Amino acid sequence: MRCEEAASLMPAYLEGELPEAKRLELEEHFSSCFTCSRKLEELKRNRELLSRERDNILKAPRMLMEGVLEQVRKEKEILRKRARMLKTGFLGIVFTLGAAILTVLFKRKRHQPERR
């Protein structure tokens, strides 16, 4: 077996996914190739480190996500308040304009002489 093939099979070897014959061939290669056996040990160490540190690695994104979600909630509440204020202001303007129009119309009718 060549080193390139051995290197490509290392992840499957560590996962226990190789057929028996291929696994034995790879182990034979490791016993006679210092470079590949060293690469395998390095890969094992890296996988162990990642496995141990997985929770720490995932904490930062979770914390970041929670912070972003909290900010989104705050922004939504601000937008709701603004919408309520705009709606209230708009209704106030409509009622004021309505009252002004009615007042003008009522005064016009009172001041117009009757036609006969």
PDB file of N, CA and C in Angstrom:
ATOM      1  N   MET A   1       0.854  -1.178   0.000  1.00  0.00           N
ATOM      2  CA  MET A   1       0.000   0.000   0.000  1.00  0.00           C
ATOM      3  C   MET A   1       0.898   1.239   0.000  1.00  0.00           C
ATOM      4  N   ARG A   2       0.452   2.236  -0.760  1.00  0.00           N
ATOM      5  CA  ARG A   2       1.213   3.487  -0.836  1.00  0.00           C
ATOM      6  C   ARG A   2       0.731   4.434   0.263  1.00  0.00           C
ATOM      7  N   CYS A   3       1.584   5.386   0.630  1.00  0.00           N
ATOM      8  CA  CYS A   3       1.278   6.331   1.709  1.00  0.00           C
ATOM      9  C   CYS A   3       0.047   7.184   1.396  1.00  0.00           C
ATOM     10  N   GLU A   4      -0.126   7.582   0.127  1.00  0.00           N
ATOM     11  CA  GLU A   4      -1.279   8.402  -0.249  1.00  0.00           C
ATOM     12  C   GLU A   4      -2.584   7.663   0.029  1.00  0.00           C
ATOM     13  N   GLU A   5      -2.624   6.383  -0.335  1.00  0.00           N
ATOM     14  CA  GLU A   5      -3.830   5.589  -0.090  1.00  0.00           C
ATOM     15  C   GLU A   5      -4.056   5.421   1.405  1.00  0.00           C
ATOM     16  N   ALA A   6      -2.963   5.160   2.145  1.00  0.00           N
ATOM     17  CA  ALA A   6      -3.069   4.984   3.595  1.00  0.00           C
ATOM     18  C   ALA A   6      -3.632   6.254   4.235  1.00  0.00           C
ATOM     19  N   ALA A   7      -3.132   7.411   3.803  1.00  0.00           N
ATOM     20  CA  ALA A   7      -3.597   8.682   4.360  1.00  0.00           C
ATOM     21  C   ALA A   7      -5.082   8.886   4.079  1.00  0.00           C
ATOM     22  N   SER A   8      -5.528   8.510   2.890  1.00  0.00           N
ATOM     23  CA  SER A   8      -6.942   8.706   2.546  1.00  0.00           C
ATOM     24  C   SER A   8      -7.857   7.755   3.318  1.00  0.00           C
ATOM     25  N   LEU A   9      -7.317   6.630   3.793  1.00  0.00           N
ATOM     26  CA  LEU A   9      -8.121   5.646   4.517  1.00  0.00           C
ATOM     27  C   LEU A   9      -8.118   5.865   6.038  1.00  0.00           C
ATOM     28  N   MET A  10      -7.246   6.732   6.525  1.00  0.00           N
ATOM     29  CA  MET A  10      -7.112   6.914   7.982  1.00  0.00           C
ATOM     30  C   MET A  10      -8.418   7.305   8.678  1.00  0.00           C
ATOM     31  N   PRO A  11      -9.186   8.270   8.158  1.00  0.00           N
ATOM     32  CA  PRO A  11     -10.436   8.608   8.858  1.00  0.00           C
ATOM     33  C   PRO A  11     -11.397   7.415   8.945  1.00  0.00           C
ATOM     34  N   ALA A  12     -11.542   6.677   7.869  1.00  0.00           N
ATOM     35  CA  ALA A  12     -12.426   5.506   7.883  1.00  0.00           C
ATOM     36  C   ALA A  12     -11.886   4.442   8.841  1.00  0.00           C
ATOM     37  N   TYR A  13     -10.564   4.323   8.908  1.00  0.00           N
ATOM     38  CA  TYR A  13      -9.939   3.375   9.832  1.00  0.00           C
ATOM     39  C   TYR A  13     -10.283   3.729  11.278  1.00  0.00           C
ATOM     40  N   LEU A  14     -10.146   5.007  11.612  1.00  0.00           N
ATOM     41  CA  LEU A  14     -10.430   5.452  12.979  1.00  0.00           C
ATOM     42  C   LEU A  14     -11.906   5.310  13.331  1.00  0.00           C
ATOM     43  N   GLU A  15     -12.777   5.392  12.347  1.00  0.00           N
ATOM     44  CA  GLU A  15     -14.215   5.235  12.574  1.00  0.00           C
ATOM     45  C   GLU A  15     -14.634   3.770  12.586  1.00  0.00           C
ATOM     46  N   GLY A  16     -13.703   2.881  12.257  1.00  0.00           N
ATOM     47  CA  GLY A  16     -14.027   1.452  12.211  1.00  0.00           C
ATOM     48  C   GLY A  16     -14.894   1.086  11.021  1.00  0.00           C
ATOM     49  N   GLU A  17     -14.736   1.809   9.924  1.00  0.00           N
ATOM     50  CA  GLU A  17     -15.595   1.617   8.758  1.00  0.00           C
ATOM     51  C   GLU A  17     -14.941   0.812   7.634  1.00  0.00           C
ATOM     52  N   LEU A  18     -13.722   0.345   7.839  1.00  0.00           N
ATOM     53  CA  LEU A  18     -13.041  -0.392   6.768  1.00  0.00           C
ATOM     54  C   LEU A  18     -13.367  -1.883   6.835  1.00  0.00           C
ATOM     55  N   PRO A  19     -13.449  -2.507   5.658  1.00  0.00           N
ATOM     56  CA  PRO A  19     -13.590  -3.967   5.659  1.00  0.00           C
ATOM     57  C   PRO A  19     -12.346  -4.599   6.299  1.00  0.00           C
ATOM     58  N   GLU A  20     -12.511  -5.784   6.820  1.00  0.00           N
ATOM     59  CA  GLU A  20     -11.437  -6.477   7.543  1.00  0.00           C
ATOM     60  C   GLU A  20     -10.142  -6.545   6.736  1.00  0.00           C
ATOM     61  N   ALA A  21     -10.225  -6.932   5.479  1.00  0.00           N
ATOM     62  CA  ALA A  21      -9.018  -7.100   4.654  1.00  0.00           C
ATOM     63  C   ALA A  21      -8.285  -5.765   4.497  1.00  0.00           C
ATOM     64  N   LYS A  22      -9.020  -4.698   4.241  1.00  0.00           N
ATOM     65  CA  LYS A  22      -8.406  -3.375   4.057  1.00  0.00           C
ATOM     66  C   LYS A  22      -7.797  -2.886   5.362  1.00  0.00           C
ATOM     67  N   ARG A  23      -8.509  -3.141   6.465  1.00  0.00           N
ATOM     68  CA  ARG A  23      -7.996  -2.737   7.783  1.00  0.00           C
ATOM     69  C   ARG A  23      -6.666  -3.434   8.079  1.00  0.00           C
ATOM     70  N   LEU A  24      -6.586  -4.731   7.825  1.00  0.00           N
ATOM     71  CA  LEU A  24      -5.348  -5.482   8.070  1.00  0.00           C
ATOM     72  C   LEU A  24      -4.211  -4.986   7.178  1.00  0.00           C
ATOM     73  N   GLU A  25      -4.530  -4.709   5.921  1.00  0.00           N
ATOM     74  CA  GLU A  25      -3.524  -4.187   4.986  1.00  0.00           C
ATOM     75  C   GLU A  25      -2.996  -2.836   5.475  1.00  0.00           C
ATOM     76  N   LEU A  26      -3.902  -1.990   5.962  1.00  0.00           N
ATOM     77  CA  LEU A  26      -3.517  -0.668   6.457  1.00  0.00           C
ATOM     78  C   LEU A  26      -2.662  -0.794   7.719  1.00  0.00           C
ATOM     79  N   GLU A  27      -3.047  -1.672   8.621  1.00  0.00           N
ATOM     80  CA  GLU A  27      -2.265  -1.879   9.843  1.00  0.00           C
ATOM     81  C   GLU A  27      -0.874  -2.403   9.533  1.00  0.00           C
ATOM     82  N   GLU A  28      -0.786  -3.251   8.521  1.00  0.00           N
ATOM     83  CA  GLU A  28       0.539  -3.741   8.087  1.00  0.00           C
ATOM     84  C   GLU A  28       1.382  -2.576   7.572  1.00  0.00           C
ATOM     85  N   HIS A  29       0.746  -1.686   6.807  1.00  0.00           N
ATOM     86  CA  HIS A  29       1.460  -0.508   6.302  1.00  0.00           C
ATOM     87  C   HIS A  29       1.934   0.368   7.468  1.00  0.00           C
ATOM     88  N   PHE A  30       1.069   0.578   8.474  1.00  0.00           N
ATOM     89  CA  PHE A  30       1.448   1.394   9.634  1.00  0.00           C
ATOM     90  C   PHE A  30       2.648   0.790  10.362  1.00  0.00           C
ATOM     91  N   SER A  31       2.707  -0.514  10.435  1.00  0.00           N
ATOM     92  CA  SER A  31       3.808  -1.167  11.168  1.00  0.00           C
ATOM     93  C   SER A  31       5.143  -0.999  10.457  1.00  0.00           C
ATOM     94  N   SER A  32       5.091  -0.775   9.146  1.00  0.00           N
ATOM     95  CA  SER A  32       6.349  -0.641   8.410  1.00  0.00           C
ATOM     96  C   SER A  32       6.638   0.789   7.964  1.00  0.00           C
ATOM     97  N   CYS A  33       5.698   1.721   8.165  1.00  0.00           N
ATOM     98  CA  CYS A  33       5.892   3.103   7.699  1.00  0.00           C
ATOM     99  C   CYS A  33       5.794   4.062   8.884  1.00  0.00           C
ATOM    100  N   PHE A  34       6.950   4.593   9.274  1.00  0.00           N
ATOM    101  CA  PHE A  34       6.999   5.512  10.403  1.00  0.00           C
ATOM    102  C   PHE A  34       6.192   6.778  10.119  1.00  0.00           C
ATOM    103  N   THR A  35       6.263   7.310   8.902  1.00  0.00           N
ATOM    104  CA  THR A  35       5.570   8.549   8.544  1.00  0.00           C
ATOM    105  C   THR A  35       4.056   8.397   8.682  1.00  0.00           C
ATOM    106  N   CYS A  36       3.514   7.324   8.149  1.00  0.00           N
ATOM    107  CA  CYS A  36       2.058   7.126   8.219  1.00  0.00           C
ATOM    108  C   CYS A  36       1.610   6.813   9.642  1.00  0.00           C
ATOM    109  N   SER A  37       2.399   6.038  10.380  1.00  0.00           N
ATOM    110  CA  SER A  37       1.997   5.739  11.763  1.00  0.00           C
ATOM    111  C   SER A  37       2.021   7.015  12.600  1.00  0.00           C
ATOM    112  N   ARG A  38       2.964   7.909  12.316  1.00  0.00           N
ATOM    113  CA  ARG A  38       3.017   9.193  13.007  1.00  0.00           C
ATOM    114  C   ARG A  38       1.806  10.053  12.631  1.00  0.00           C
ATOM    115  N   LYS A  39       1.438  10.063  11.340  1.00  0.00           N
ATOM    116  CA  LYS A  39       0.249  10.812  10.895  1.00  0.00           C
ATOM    117  C   LYS A  39      -1.011  10.273  11.557  1.00  0.00           C
ATOM    118  N   LEU A  40      -1.099   8.958  11.683  1.00  0.00           N
ATOM    119  CA  LEU A  40      -2.256   8.346  12.325  1.00  0.00           C
ATOM    120  C   LEU A  40      -2.347   8.769  13.784  1.00  0.00           C
ATOM    121  N   GLU A  41      -1.233   8.744  14.500  1.00  0.00           N
ATOM    122  CA  GLU A  41      -1.233   9.168  15.907  1.00  0.00           C
ATOM    123  C   GLU A  41      -1.620  10.639  16.039  1.00  0.00           C
ATOM    124  N   GLU A  42      -1.133  11.460  15.132  1.00  0.00           N
ATOM    125  CA  GLU A  42      -1.478  12.887  15.147  1.00  0.00           C
ATOM    126  C   GLU A  42      -2.974  13.079  14.890  1.00  0.00           C
ATOM    127  N   LEU A  43      -3.509  12.331  13.945  1.00  0.00           N
ATOM    128  CA  LEU A  43      -4.932  12.399  13.647  1.00  0.00           C
ATOM    129  C   LEU A  43      -5.759  11.946  14.855  1.00  0.00           C
ATOM    130  N   LYS A  44      -5.324  10.895  15.537  1.00  0.00           N
ATOM    131  CA  LYS A  44      -6.014  10.422  16.747  1.00  0.00           C
ATOM    132  C   LYS A  44      -6.006  11.509  17.820  1.00  0.00           C
ATOM    133  N   ARG A  45      -4.853  12.132  18.034  1.00  0.00           N
ATOM    134  CA  ARG A  45      -4.757  13.196  19.054  1.00  0.00           C
ATOM    135  C   ARG A  45      -5.678  14.365  18.709  1.00  0.00           C
ATOM    136  N   ASN A  46      -5.675  14.765  17.463  1.00  0.00           N
ATOM    137  CA  ASN A  46      -6.529  15.885  17.038  1.00  0.00           C
ATOM    138  C   ASN A  46      -8.004  15.565  17.244  1.00  0.00           C
ATOM    139  N   ARG A  47      -8.399  14.354  16.910  1.00  0.00           N
ATOM    140  CA  ARG A  47      -9.793  13.947  17.091  1.00  0.00           C
ATOM    141  C   ARG A  47     -10.159  13.934  18.570  1.00  0.00           C
ATOM    142  N   GLU A  48      -9.252  13.470  19.424  1.00  0.00           N
ATOM    143  CA  GLU A  48      -9.509  13.455  20.865  1.00  0.00           C
ATOM    144  C   GLU A  48      -9.641  14.875  21.402  1.00  0.00           C
ATOM    145  N   LEU A  49      -8.744  15.758  20.954  1.00  0.00           N
ATOM    146  CA  LEU A  49      -8.819  17.162  21.387  1.00  0.00           C
ATOM    147  C   LEU A  49     -10.145  17.790  20.966  1.00  0.00           C
ATOM    148  N   LEU A  50     -10.522  17.577  19.725  1.00  0.00           N
ATOM    149  CA  LEU A  50     -11.785  18.134  19.235  1.00  0.00           C
ATOM    150  C   LEU A  50     -12.968  17.561  20.003  1.00  0.00           C
ATOM    151  N   SER A  51     -12.902  16.288  20.311  1.00  0.00           N
ATOM    152  CA  SER A  51     -13.986  15.668  21.060  1.00  0.00           C
ATOM    153  C   SER A  51     -14.110  16.285  22.448  1.00  0.00           C
ATOM    154  N   ARG A  52     -12.986  16.502  23.109  1.00  0.00           N
ATOM    155  CA  ARG A  52     -13.005  17.099  24.458  1.00  0.00           C
ATOM    156  C   ARG A  52     -13.415  18.558  24.424  1.00  0.00           C
ATOM    157  N   GLU A  53     -13.017  19.274  23.411  1.00  0.00           N
ATOM    158  CA  GLU A  53     -13.258  20.718  23.343  1.00  0.00           C
ATOM    159  C   GLU A  53     -14.548  21.080  22.606  1.00  0.00           C
ATOM    160  N   ARG A  54     -15.261  20.083  22.118  1.00  0.00           N
ATOM    161  CA  ARG A  54     -16.468  20.349  21.337  1.00  0.00           C
ATOM    162  C   ARG A  54     -17.444  21.251  22.092  1.00  0.00           C
ATOM    163  N   ASP A  55     -17.656  20.979  23.371  1.00  0.00           N
ATOM    164  CA  ASP A  55     -18.605  21.797  24.140  1.00  0.00           C
ATOM    165  C   ASP A  55     -18.134  23.238  24.242  1.00  0.00           C
ATOM    166  N   ASN A  56     -16.847  23.440  24.465  1.00  0.00           N
ATOM    167  CA  ASN A  56     -16.323  24.807  24.549  1.00  0.00           C
ATOM    168  C   ASN A  56     -16.411  25.517  23.205  1.00  0.00           C
ATOM    169  N   ILE A  57     -16.180  24.775  22.143  1.00  0.00           N
ATOM    170  CA  ILE A  57     -16.237  25.368  20.810  1.00  0.00           C
ATOM    171  C   ILE A  57     -17.670  25.802  20.505  1.00  0.00           C
ATOM    172  N   LEU A  58     -18.643  25.010  20.938  1.00  0.00           N
ATOM    173  CA  LEU A  58     -20.037  25.315  20.638  1.00  0.00           C
ATOM    174  C   LEU A  58     -20.625  26.382  21.554  1.00  0.00           C
ATOM    175  N   LYS A  59     -20.005  26.656  22.685  1.00  0.00           N
ATOM    176  CA  LYS A  59     -20.552  27.647  23.609  1.00  0.00           C
ATOM    177  C   LYS A  59     -20.549  29.048  23.020  1.00  0.00           C
ATOM    178  N   ALA A  60     -19.462  29.420  22.397  1.00  0.00           N
ATOM    179  CA  ALA A  60     -19.382  30.777  21.856  1.00  0.00           C
ATOM    180  C   ALA A  60     -20.489  31.039  20.841  1.00  0.00           C
ATOM    181  N   PRO A  61     -20.687  30.163  19.861  1.00  0.00           N
ATOM    182  CA  PRO A  61     -21.785  30.440  18.929  1.00  0.00           C
ATOM    183  C   PRO A  61     -23.151  30.452  19.617  1.00  0.00           C
ATOM    184  N   ARG A  62     -23.369  29.573  20.614  1.00  0.00           N
ATOM    185  CA  ARG A  62     -24.653  29.583  21.321  1.00  0.00           C
ATOM    186  C   ARG A  62     -24.843  30.909  22.030  1.00  0.00           C
ATOM    187  N   MET A  63     -23.787  31.372  22.709  1.00  0.00           N
ATOM    188  CA  MET A  63     -23.876  32.645  23.423  1.00  0.00           C
ATOM    189  C   MET A  63     -24.111  33.783  22.432  1.00  0.00           C
ATOM    190  N   LEU A  64     -23.428  33.719  21.313  1.00  0.00           N
ATOM    191  CA  LEU A  64     -23.600  34.738  20.295  1.00  0.00           C
ATOM    192  C   LEU A  64     -25.033  34.722  19.769  1.00  0.00           C
ATOM    193  N   MET A  65     -25.538  33.530  19.485  1.00  0.00           N
ATOM    194  CA  MET A  65     -26.895  33.398  18.979  1.00  0.00           C
ATOM    195  C   MET A  65     -27.910  33.929  19.997  1.00  0.00           C
ATOM    196  N   GLU A  66     -27.720  33.596  21.265  1.00  0.00           N
ATOM    197  CA  GLU A  66     -28.639  34.082  22.295  1.00  0.00           C
ATOM    198  C   GLU A  66     -28.600  35.607  22.387  1.00  0.00           C
ATOM    199  N   GLY A  67     -27.398  36.175  22.279  1.00  0.00           N
ATOM    200  CA  GLY A  67     -27.278  37.633  22.305  1.00  0.00           C
ATOM    201  C   GLY A  67     -27.983  38.289  21.130  1.00  0.00           C
ATOM    202  N   VAL A  68     -27.809  37.688  19.959  1.00  0.00           N
ATOM    203  CA  VAL A  68     -28.460  38.227  18.764  1.00  0.00           C
ATOM    204  C   VAL A  68     -29.975  38.120  18.891  1.00  0.00           C
ATOM    205  N   LEU A  69     -30.459  36.968  19.377  1.00  0.00           N
ATOM    206  CA  LEU A  69     -31.906  36.801  19.542  1.00  0.00           C
ATOM    207  C   LEU A  69     -32.471  37.799  20.550  1.00  0.00           C
ATOM    208  N   GLU A  70     -31.746  38.051  21.618  1.00  0.00           N
ATOM    209  CA  GLU A  70     -32.193  39.030  22.614  1.00  0.00           C
ATOM    210  C   GLU A  70     -32.280  40.423  21.983  1.00  0.00           C
ATOM    211  N   GLN A  71     -31.281  40.763  21.171  1.00  0.00           N
ATOM    212  CA  GLN A  71     -31.287  42.063  20.501  1.00  0.00           C
ATOM    213  C   GLN A  71     -32.458  42.161  19.538  1.00  0.00           C
ATOM    214  N   VAL A  72     -32.755  41.063  18.837  1.00  0.00           N
ATOM    215  CA  VAL A  72     -33.898  41.054  17.913  1.00  0.00           C
ATOM    216  C   VAL A  72     -35.197  41.259  18.688  1.00  0.00           C
ATOM    217  N   ARG A  73     -35.321  40.596  19.849  1.00  0.00           N
ATOM    218  CA  ARG A  73     -36.529  40.779  20.673  1.00  0.00           C
ATOM    219  C   ARG A  73     -36.683  42.242  21.090  1.00  0.00           C
ATOM    220  N   LYS A  74     -35.578  42.852  21.515  1.00  0.00           N
ATOM    221  CA  LYS A  74     -35.632  44.258  21.917  1.00  0.00           C
ATOM    222  C   LYS A  74     -36.043  45.146  20.749  1.00  0.00           C
ATOM    223  N   GLU A  75     -35.461  44.888  19.576  1.00  0.00           N
ATOM    224  CA  GLU A  75     -35.796  45.689  18.402  1.00  0.00           C
ATOM    225  C   GLU A  75     -37.267  45.517  18.019  1.00  0.00           C
ATOM    226  N   LYS A  76     -37.782  44.284  18.121  1.00  0.00           N
ATOM    227  CA  LYS A  76     -39.196  44.062  17.821  1.00  0.00           C
ATOM    228  C   LYS A  76     -40.085  44.846  18.771  1.00  0.00           C
ATOM    229  N   GLU A  77     -39.738  44.866  20.048  1.00  0.00           N
ATOM    230  CA  GLU A  77     -40.531  45.602  21.031  1.00  0.00           C
ATOM    231  C   GLU A  77     -40.492  47.099  20.729  1.00  0.00           C
ATOM    232  N   ILE A  78     -39.333  47.603  20.364  1.00  0.00           N
ATOM    233  CA  ILE A  78     -39.218  49.023  20.005  1.00  0.00           C
ATOM    234  C   ILE A  78     -40.101  49.325  18.798  1.00  0.00           C
ATOM    235  N   LEU A  79     -40.077  48.443  17.792  1.00  0.00           N
ATOM    236  CA  LEU A  79     -40.907  48.654  16.604  1.00  0.00           C
ATOM    237  C   LEU A  79     -42.393  48.590  16.936  1.00  0.00           C
ATOM    238  N   ARG A  80     -42.771  47.681  17.846  1.00  0.00           N
ATOM    239  CA  ARG A  80     -44.179  47.607  18.260  1.00  0.00           C
ATOM    240  C   ARG A  80     -44.614  48.909  18.925  1.00  0.00           C
ATOM    241  N   LYS A  81     -43.760  49.421  19.815  1.00  0.00           N
ATOM    242  CA  LYS A  81     -44.093  50.684  20.503  1.00  0.00           C
ATOM    243  C   LYS A  81     -44.208  51.824  19.514  1.00  0.00           C
ATOM    244  N   ARG A  82     -43.286  51.878  18.561  1.00  0.00           N
ATOM    245  CA  ARG A  82     -43.348  52.936  17.556  1.00  0.00           C
ATOM    246  C   ARG A  82     -44.615  52.824  16.722  1.00  0.00           C
ATOM    247  N   ALA A  83     -44.981  51.588  16.368  1.00  0.00           N
ATOM    248  CA  ALA A  83     -46.195  51.384  15.571  1.00  0.00           C
ATOM    249  C   ALA A  83     -47.423  51.847  16.351  1.00  0.00           C
ATOM    250  N   ARG A  84     -47.464  51.530  17.657  1.00  0.00           N
ATOM    251  CA  ARG A  84     -48.585  51.975  18.483  1.00  0.00           C
ATOM    252  C   ARG A  84     -48.637  53.496  18.542  1.00  0.00           C
ATOM    253  N   MET A  85     -47.459  54.113  18.717  1.00  0.00           N
ATOM    254  CA  MET A  85     -47.420  55.579  18.781  1.00  0.00           C
ATOM    255  C   MET A  85     -47.884  56.189  17.458  1.00  0.00           C
ATOM    256  N   LEU A  86     -47.420  55.633  16.349  1.00  0.00           N
ATOM    257  CA  LEU A  86     -47.834  56.149  15.046  1.00  0.00           C
ATOM    258  C   LEU A  86     -49.331  55.976  14.833  1.00  0.00           C
ATOM    259  N   LYS A  87     -49.850  54.803  15.221  1.00  0.00           N
ATOM    260  CA  LYS A  87     -51.285  54.555  15.064  1.00  0.00           C
ATOM    261  C   LYS A  87     -52.084  55.534  15.901  1.00  0.00           C
ATOM    262  N   THR A  88     -51.661  55.738  17.143  1.00  0.00           N
ATOM    263  CA  THR A  88     -52.355  56.672  18.033  1.00  0.00           C
ATOM    264  C   THR A  88     -52.287  58.084  17.470  1.00  0.00           C
ATOM    265  N   GLY A  89     -51.109  58.484  17.008  1.00  0.00           N
ATOM    266  CA  GLY A  89     -50.951  59.818  16.430  1.00  0.00           C
ATOM    267  C   GLY A  89     -51.784  59.998  15.178  1.00  0.00           C
ATOM    268  N   PHE A  90     -51.799  58.967  14.339  1.00  0.00           N
ATOM    269  CA  PHE A  90     -52.579  59.032  13.108  1.00  0.00           C
ATOM    270  C   PHE A  90     -54.066  59.155  13.422  1.00  0.00           C
ATOM    271  N   LEU A  91     -54.548  58.354  14.364  1.00  0.00           N
ATOM    272  CA  LEU A  91     -55.965  58.436  14.744  1.00  0.00           C
ATOM    273  C   LEU A  91     -56.294  59.812  15.327  1.00  0.00           C
ATOM    274  N   GLY A  92     -55.386  60.353  16.115  1.00  0.00           N
ATOM    275  CA  GLY A  92     -55.592  61.690  16.661  1.00  0.00           C
ATOM    276  C   GLY A  92     -55.716  62.725  15.566  1.00  0.00           C
ATOM    277  N   ILE A  93     -54.864  62.635  14.568  1.00  0.00           N
ATOM    278  CA  ILE A  93     -54.913  63.578  13.440  1.00  0.00           C
ATOM    279  C   ILE A  93     -56.224  63.418  12.677  1.00  0.00           C
ATOM    280  N   VAL A  94     -56.628  62.175  12.435  1.00  0.00           N
ATOM    281  CA  VAL A  94     -57.877  61.924  11.702  1.00  0.00           C
ATOM    282  C   VAL A  94     -59.059  62.504  12.467  1.00  0.00           C
ATOM    283  N   PHE A  95     -59.135  62.236  13.776  1.00  0.00           N
ATOM    284  CA  PHE A  95     -60.242  62.772  14.562  1.00  0.00           C
ATOM    285  C   PHE A  95     -60.221  64.292  14.591  1.00  0.00           C
ATOM    286  N   THR A  96     -59.041  64.877  14.719  1.00  0.00           N
ATOM    287  CA  THR A  96     -58.927  66.333  14.739  1.00  0.00           C
ATOM    288  C   THR A  96     -59.376  66.920  13.410  1.00  0.00           C
ATOM    289  N   LEU A  97     -58.909  66.331  12.308  1.00  0.00           N
ATOM    290  CA  LEU A  97     -59.330  66.820  10.989  1.00  0.00           C
ATOM    291  C   LEU A  97     -60.832  66.648  10.804  1.00  0.00           C
ATOM    292  N   GLY A  98     -61.351  65.502  11.224  1.00  0.00           N
ATOM    293  CA  GLY A  98     -62.795  65.259  11.125  1.00  0.00           C
ATOM    294  C   GLY A  98     -63.582  66.301  11.899  1.00  0.00           C
ATOM    295  N   ALA A  99     -63.134  66.577  13.117  1.00  0.00           N
ATOM    296  CA  ALA A  99     -63.809  67.574  13.947  1.00  0.00           C
ATOM    297  C   ALA A  99     -63.721  68.956  13.300  1.00  0.00           C
ATOM    298  N   ALA A 100     -62.567  69.283  12.747  1.00  0.00           N
ATOM    299  CA  ALA A 100     -62.396  70.591  12.102  1.00  0.00           C
ATOM    300  C   ALA A 100     -63.305  70.707  10.887  1.00  0.00           C
ATOM    301  N   ILE A 101     -63.383  69.655  10.099  1.00  0.00           N
ATOM    302  CA  ILE A 101     -64.245  69.692   8.908  1.00  0.00           C
ATOM    303  C   ILE A 101     -65.709  69.830   9.310  1.00  0.00           C
ATOM    304  N   LEU A 102     -66.124  69.066  10.311  1.00  0.00           N
ATOM    305  CA  LEU A 102     -67.507  69.164  10.779  1.00  0.00           C
ATOM    306  C   LEU A 102     -67.808  70.560  11.324  1.00  0.00           C
ATOM    307  N   THR A 103     -66.844  71.120  12.040  1.00  0.00           N
ATOM    308  CA  THR A 103     -67.034  72.469  12.583  1.00  0.00           C
ATOM    309  C   THR A 103     -67.211  73.473  11.463  1.00  0.00           C
ATOM    310  N   VAL A 104     -66.350  73.389  10.448  1.00  0.00           N
ATOM    311  CA  VAL A 104     -66.443  74.324   9.319  1.00  0.00           C
ATOM    312  C   VAL A 104     -67.776  74.157   8.603  1.00  0.00           C
ATOM    313  N   LEU A 105     -68.157  72.917   8.351  1.00  0.00           N
ATOM    314  CA  LEU A 105     -69.430  72.669   7.661  1.00  0.00           C
ATOM    315  C   LEU A 105     -70.614  73.157   8.486  1.00  0.00           C
ATOM    316  N   PHE A 106     -70.588  72.906   9.777  1.00  0.00           N
ATOM    317  CA  PHE A 106     -71.677  73.331  10.652  1.00  0.00           C
ATOM    318  C   PHE A 106     -71.774  74.852  10.689  1.00  0.00           C
ATOM    319  N   LYS A 107     -70.621  75.525  10.768  1.00  0.00           N
ATOM    320  CA  LYS A 107     -70.634  76.998  10.792  1.00  0.00           C
ATOM    321  C   LYS A 107     -71.132  77.550   9.470  1.00  0.00           C
ATOM    322  N   ARG A 108     -70.792  76.916   8.369  1.00  0.00           N
ATOM    323  CA  ARG A 108     -71.248  77.391   7.054  1.00  0.00           C
ATOM    324  C   ARG A 108     -72.762  77.318   6.973  1.00  0.00           C
ATOM    325  N   LYS A 109     -73.312  76.208   7.422  1.00  0.00           N
ATOM    326  CA  LYS A 109     -74.762  76.052   7.349  1.00  0.00           C
ATOM    327  C   LYS A 109     -75.453  77.078   8.238  1.00  0.00           C
ATOM    328  N   ARG A 110     -74.907  77.393   9.363  1.00  0.00           N
ATOM    329  CA  ARG A 110     -75.520  78.359  10.279  1.00  0.00           C
ATOM    330  C   ARG A 110     -75.449  79.775   9.711  1.00  0.00           C
ATOM    331  N   HIS A 111     -74.411  80.091   8.974  1.00  0.00           N
ATOM    332  CA  HIS A 111     -74.254  81.441   8.461  1.00  0.00           C
ATOM    333  C   HIS A 111     -74.860  81.679   7.092  1.00  0.00           C
ATOM    334  N   GLN A 112     -75.290  80.626   6.435  1.00  0.00           N
ATOM    335  CA  GLN A 112     -75.894  80.807   5.110  1.00  0.00           C
ATOM    336  C   GLN A 112     -77.356  81.228   5.279  1.00  0.00           C
ATOM    337  N   PRO A 113     -77.747  82.264   4.568  1.00  0.00           N
ATOM    338  CA  PRO A 113     -79.154  82.655   4.600  1.00  0.00           C
ATOM    339  C   PRO A 113     -80.020  81.595   3.939  1.00  0.00           C
ATOM    340  N   GLU A 114     -81.217  81.488   4.415  1.00  0.00           N
ATOM    341  CA  GLU A 114     -82.137  80.505   3.834  1.00  0.00           C
ATOM    342  C   GLU A 114     -82.615  81.002   2.499  1.00  0.00           C
ATOM    343  N   ARG A 115     -82.716  80.140   1.557  1.00  0.00           N
ATOM    344  CA  ARG A 115     -83.212  80.474   0.210  1.00  0.00           C
ATOM    345  C   ARG A 115     -84.690  80.162   0.122  1.00  0.00           C
ATOM    346  N   ARG A 116     -85.441  81.040  -0.490  1.00  0.00           N
ATOM    347  CA  ARG A 116     -86.877  80.808  -0.647  1.00  0.00           C
ATOM    348  C   ARG A 116     -87.298  80.917  -2.043  1.00  0.00           C
TER     349      ARG A 116
END
